[in-house]
């Protein structure tokens, strides 16, 4: 698994764990909702300052966003399946 995949799965995981919507995380970080969505889809690799903003908003250490987490990947798989079934 690539580092960007680990990162994107973890952003989504910790966001869900905090019960934050993408809109709430965007508001807390000063980023756009579209950008948060693109990060979670692996379309963009954020800069270090952006990673800091995200980790602060999620109240976690930045390194946790780069640590393999099977719960994060499983959550992303379930969310993706749910999203596809709604289309």
N, C-alpha and C. Protein backbone atom coordinates (compact mmCIF):
# COMPACT_ATOMS: atom_id res chain seq x y z
N UNK A 1 0.85 -1.17 0.00
CA UNK A 1 0.00 0.00 0.00
C UNK A 1 0.89 1.24 0.00
N UNK A 2 0.55 2.20 -0.82
CA UNK A 2 1.35 3.42 -0.93
C UNK A 2 1.12 4.34 0.27
N UNK A 3 2.05 5.24 0.49
CA UNK A 3 1.94 6.19 1.59
C UNK A 3 0.73 7.11 1.42
N UNK A 4 0.44 7.49 0.20
CA UNK A 4 -0.73 8.35 -0.03
C UNK A 4 -2.02 7.61 0.29
N UNK A 5 -2.06 6.29 0.02
CA UNK A 5 -3.25 5.51 0.38
C UNK A 5 -3.39 5.41 1.90
N UNK A 6 -2.29 5.16 2.58
CA UNK A 6 -2.33 5.12 4.04
C UNK A 6 -2.84 6.45 4.58
N UNK A 7 -2.32 7.53 4.04
CA UNK A 7 -2.72 8.87 4.48
C UNK A 7 -4.21 9.11 4.25
N UNK A 8 -4.68 8.83 3.04
CA UNK A 8 -6.08 9.13 2.73
C UNK A 8 -7.03 8.27 3.54
N UNK A 9 -6.69 6.99 3.74
CA UNK A 9 -7.53 6.13 4.57
C UNK A 9 -7.58 6.66 6.01
N UNK A 10 -6.45 7.11 6.51
CA UNK A 10 -6.39 7.61 7.88
C UNK A 10 -7.14 8.92 8.06
N UNK A 11 -7.05 9.81 7.08
CA UNK A 11 -7.81 11.06 7.19
C UNK A 11 -9.29 10.73 7.32
N UNK A 12 -9.77 9.87 6.47
CA UNK A 12 -11.20 9.49 6.52
C UNK A 12 -11.53 8.79 7.84
N UNK A 13 -10.66 7.88 8.28
CA UNK A 13 -10.89 7.13 9.51
C UNK A 13 -11.00 8.07 10.72
N UNK A 14 -10.01 8.94 10.88
CA UNK A 14 -10.02 9.83 12.04
C UNK A 14 -11.13 10.87 11.94
N UNK A 15 -11.49 11.26 10.74
CA UNK A 15 -12.62 12.17 10.56
C UNK A 15 -13.91 11.49 11.02
N UNK A 16 -14.11 10.24 10.62
CA UNK A 16 -15.29 9.49 11.04
C UNK A 16 -15.27 9.26 12.55
N UNK A 17 -14.10 8.96 13.07
CA UNK A 17 -13.96 8.72 14.51
C UNK A 17 -14.36 9.95 15.32
N UNK A 18 -14.08 11.14 14.82
CA UNK A 18 -14.48 12.39 15.46
C UNK A 18 -15.92 12.77 15.13
N UNK A 19 -16.53 12.00 14.24
CA UNK A 19 -17.89 12.28 13.78
C UNK A 19 -17.97 13.63 13.06
N UNK A 20 -16.93 13.92 12.27
CA UNK A 20 -16.89 15.15 11.48
C UNK A 20 -17.30 14.84 10.05
N UNK A 21 -18.06 15.71 9.48
CA UNK A 21 -18.33 15.64 8.04
C UNK A 21 -17.13 16.24 7.32
N UNK A 22 -17.09 16.06 6.02
CA UNK A 22 -16.04 16.72 5.24
C UNK A 22 -16.18 18.23 5.37
N UNK A 23 -17.39 18.71 5.44
CA UNK A 23 -17.64 20.14 5.58
C UNK A 23 -17.07 20.67 6.90
N UNK A 24 -17.28 19.92 7.99
CA UNK A 24 -16.77 20.33 9.30
C UNK A 24 -15.24 20.35 9.30
N UNK A 25 -14.61 19.31 8.74
CA UNK A 25 -13.15 19.27 8.69
C UNK A 25 -12.63 20.41 7.82
N UNK A 26 -13.29 20.68 6.72
CA UNK A 26 -12.89 21.78 5.84
C UNK A 26 -12.95 23.11 6.59
N UNK A 27 -14.02 23.30 7.32
CA UNK A 27 -14.20 24.54 8.09
C UNK A 27 -13.09 24.68 9.15
N UNK A 28 -12.78 23.59 9.81
CA UNK A 28 -11.79 23.64 10.89
C UNK A 28 -10.36 23.85 10.37
N UNK A 29 -10.12 23.45 9.14
CA UNK A 29 -8.77 23.56 8.56
C UNK A 29 -8.60 24.76 7.65
N UNK A 30 -9.71 25.38 7.27
CA UNK A 30 -9.64 26.47 6.31
C UNK A 30 -9.45 25.99 4.88
N UNK A 31 -9.71 24.70 4.65
CA UNK A 31 -9.60 24.12 3.31
C UNK A 31 -11.00 23.98 2.74
N UNK A 32 -11.08 23.74 1.45
CA UNK A 32 -12.40 23.55 0.84
C UNK A 32 -12.87 22.11 1.04
N UNK A 33 -14.18 21.94 1.04
CA UNK A 33 -14.76 20.61 1.14
C UNK A 33 -14.31 19.75 -0.04
N UNK A 34 -14.23 20.36 -1.20
CA UNK A 34 -13.79 19.66 -2.40
C UNK A 34 -12.36 19.13 -2.22
N UNK A 35 -11.50 19.94 -1.63
CA UNK A 35 -10.11 19.53 -1.41
C UNK A 35 -10.03 18.38 -0.41
N UNK A 36 -10.82 18.44 0.67
CA UNK A 36 -10.85 17.34 1.64
C UNK A 36 -11.30 16.06 0.94
N UNK A 37 -12.32 16.16 0.13
CA UNK A 37 -12.82 15.00 -0.63
C UNK A 37 -11.72 14.44 -1.54
N UNK A 38 -11.04 15.33 -2.24
CA UNK A 38 -9.96 14.89 -3.14
C UNK A 38 -8.81 14.23 -2.39
N UNK A 39 -8.49 14.73 -1.20
CA UNK A 39 -7.46 14.10 -0.38
C UNK A 39 -7.89 12.68 -0.02
N UNK A 40 -9.14 12.53 0.42
CA UNK A 40 -9.64 11.22 0.82
C UNK A 40 -9.75 10.25 -0.36
N UNK A 41 -9.83 10.77 -1.55
CA UNK A 41 -9.87 9.92 -2.73
C UNK A 41 -8.47 9.66 -3.30
N UNK A 42 -7.47 10.29 -2.71
CA UNK A 42 -6.10 10.10 -3.17
C UNK A 42 -5.75 10.89 -4.41
N UNK A 43 -6.52 11.91 -4.73
CA UNK A 43 -6.26 12.72 -5.92
C UNK A 43 -5.16 13.74 -5.69
N UNK A 44 -4.98 14.17 -4.44
CA UNK A 44 -3.96 15.17 -4.12
C UNK A 44 -3.10 14.71 -2.96
N UNK A 45 -1.87 15.13 -3.00
CA UNK A 45 -0.93 14.92 -1.90
C UNK A 45 -0.73 16.27 -1.23
N UNK A 46 -1.25 16.45 -0.03
CA UNK A 46 -1.17 17.75 0.61
C UNK A 46 0.24 18.11 1.08
N UNK A 47 0.47 19.39 1.24
CA UNK A 47 1.75 19.88 1.74
C UNK A 47 1.87 19.61 3.24
N UNK A 48 3.07 19.76 3.76
CA UNK A 48 3.29 19.55 5.20
C UNK A 48 2.45 20.51 6.04
N UNK A 49 2.39 21.81 5.70
CA UNK A 49 1.51 22.69 6.49
C UNK A 49 0.04 22.24 6.48
N UNK A 50 -0.42 21.73 5.36
CA UNK A 50 -1.80 21.24 5.27
C UNK A 50 -1.98 20.00 6.13
N UNK A 51 -1.00 19.12 6.13
CA UNK A 51 -1.04 17.92 6.97
C UNK A 51 -1.12 18.34 8.44
N UNK A 52 -0.36 19.35 8.81
CA UNK A 52 -0.41 19.87 10.18
C UNK A 52 -1.80 20.40 10.52
N UNK A 53 -2.40 21.13 9.62
CA UNK A 53 -3.74 21.68 9.85
C UNK A 53 -4.76 20.57 10.04
N UNK A 54 -4.65 19.54 9.21
CA UNK A 54 -5.58 18.41 9.31
C UNK A 54 -5.39 17.68 10.63
N UNK A 55 -4.15 17.40 11.00
CA UNK A 55 -3.90 16.66 12.25
C UNK A 55 -4.35 17.47 13.46
N UNK A 56 -4.16 18.78 13.44
CA UNK A 56 -4.62 19.63 14.55
C UNK A 56 -6.15 19.61 14.65
N UNK A 57 -6.81 19.70 13.51
CA UNK A 57 -8.28 19.68 13.50
C UNK A 57 -8.81 18.34 14.01
N UNK A 58 -8.09 17.26 13.71
CA UNK A 58 -8.51 15.93 14.15
C UNK A 58 -7.99 15.61 15.55
N UNK A 59 -7.17 16.50 16.10
CA UNK A 59 -6.60 16.34 17.43
C UNK A 59 -5.78 15.05 17.56
N UNK A 60 -4.93 14.83 16.55
CA UNK A 60 -4.05 13.67 16.56
C UNK A 60 -2.64 14.11 16.17
N UNK A 61 -1.67 13.26 16.46
CA UNK A 61 -0.30 13.52 16.02
C UNK A 61 -0.22 13.32 14.51
N UNK A 62 0.52 14.17 13.79
CA UNK A 62 0.59 14.02 12.34
C UNK A 62 1.07 12.64 11.89
N UNK A 63 1.97 12.03 12.64
CA UNK A 63 2.50 10.73 12.22
C UNK A 63 1.42 9.64 12.20
N UNK A 64 0.34 9.82 12.95
CA UNK A 64 -0.74 8.83 12.91
C UNK A 64 -1.40 8.78 11.53
N UNK A 65 -1.31 9.86 10.79
CA UNK A 65 -1.89 9.88 9.45
C UNK A 65 -1.07 9.06 8.45
N UNK A 66 0.16 8.67 8.86
CA UNK A 66 1.04 7.90 7.98
C UNK A 66 1.33 6.50 8.52
N UNK A 67 0.57 6.09 9.53
CA UNK A 67 0.76 4.77 10.15
C UNK A 67 -0.30 3.82 9.63
N UNK A 68 0.15 2.65 9.15
CA UNK A 68 -0.81 1.66 8.64
C UNK A 68 -1.83 1.34 9.72
N UNK A 69 -3.08 1.29 9.31
CA UNK A 69 -4.18 1.09 10.22
C UNK A 69 -5.24 0.27 9.50
N UNK A 70 -5.36 -1.01 9.85
CA UNK A 70 -6.31 -1.87 9.14
C UNK A 70 -7.75 -1.39 9.32
N UNK A 71 -8.06 -0.77 10.45
CA UNK A 71 -9.41 -0.24 10.67
C UNK A 71 -9.71 0.88 9.67
N UNK A 72 -8.70 1.68 9.36
CA UNK A 72 -8.89 2.79 8.42
C UNK A 72 -9.19 2.26 7.03
N UNK A 73 -8.45 1.28 6.59
CA UNK A 73 -8.68 0.73 5.25
C UNK A 73 -10.04 0.05 5.17
N UNK A 74 -10.40 -0.70 6.21
CA UNK A 74 -11.70 -1.38 6.21
C UNK A 74 -12.84 -0.38 6.20
N UNK A 75 -12.71 0.71 6.93
CA UNK A 75 -13.73 1.75 6.94
C UNK A 75 -13.89 2.34 5.55
N UNK A 76 -12.77 2.64 4.90
CA UNK A 76 -12.83 3.22 3.56
C UNK A 76 -13.51 2.29 2.58
N UNK A 77 -13.23 1.00 2.70
CA UNK A 77 -13.86 0.03 1.81
C UNK A 77 -15.37 0.01 2.03
N UNK A 78 -15.81 0.05 3.29
CA UNK A 78 -17.25 0.05 3.58
C UNK A 78 -17.91 1.33 3.09
N UNK A 79 -17.27 2.45 3.27
CA UNK A 79 -17.82 3.73 2.82
C UNK A 79 -17.94 3.74 1.31
N UNK A 80 -16.91 3.26 0.61
CA UNK A 80 -16.93 3.23 -0.86
C UNK A 80 -18.04 2.33 -1.37
N UNK A 81 -18.24 1.17 -0.74
CA UNK A 81 -19.30 0.26 -1.16
C UNK A 81 -20.66 0.91 -0.95
N UNK A 82 -20.84 1.57 0.20
CA UNK A 82 -22.10 2.25 0.49
C UNK A 82 -22.37 3.36 -0.53
N UNK A 83 -21.33 4.11 -0.85
CA UNK A 83 -21.47 5.22 -1.80
C UNK A 83 -21.88 4.68 -3.18
N UNK A 84 -21.26 3.59 -3.62
CA UNK A 84 -21.58 3.02 -4.94
C UNK A 84 -23.00 2.48 -4.98
N UNK A 85 -23.48 1.93 -3.86
CA UNK A 85 -24.84 1.37 -3.85
C UNK A 85 -25.90 2.47 -3.90
N UNK A 86 -25.55 3.69 -3.52
CA UNK A 86 -26.49 4.81 -3.56
C UNK A 86 -26.56 5.43 -4.94
N UNK A 87 -25.64 5.15 -5.82
CA UNK A 87 -25.61 5.77 -7.15
C UNK A 87 -26.60 5.13 -8.08
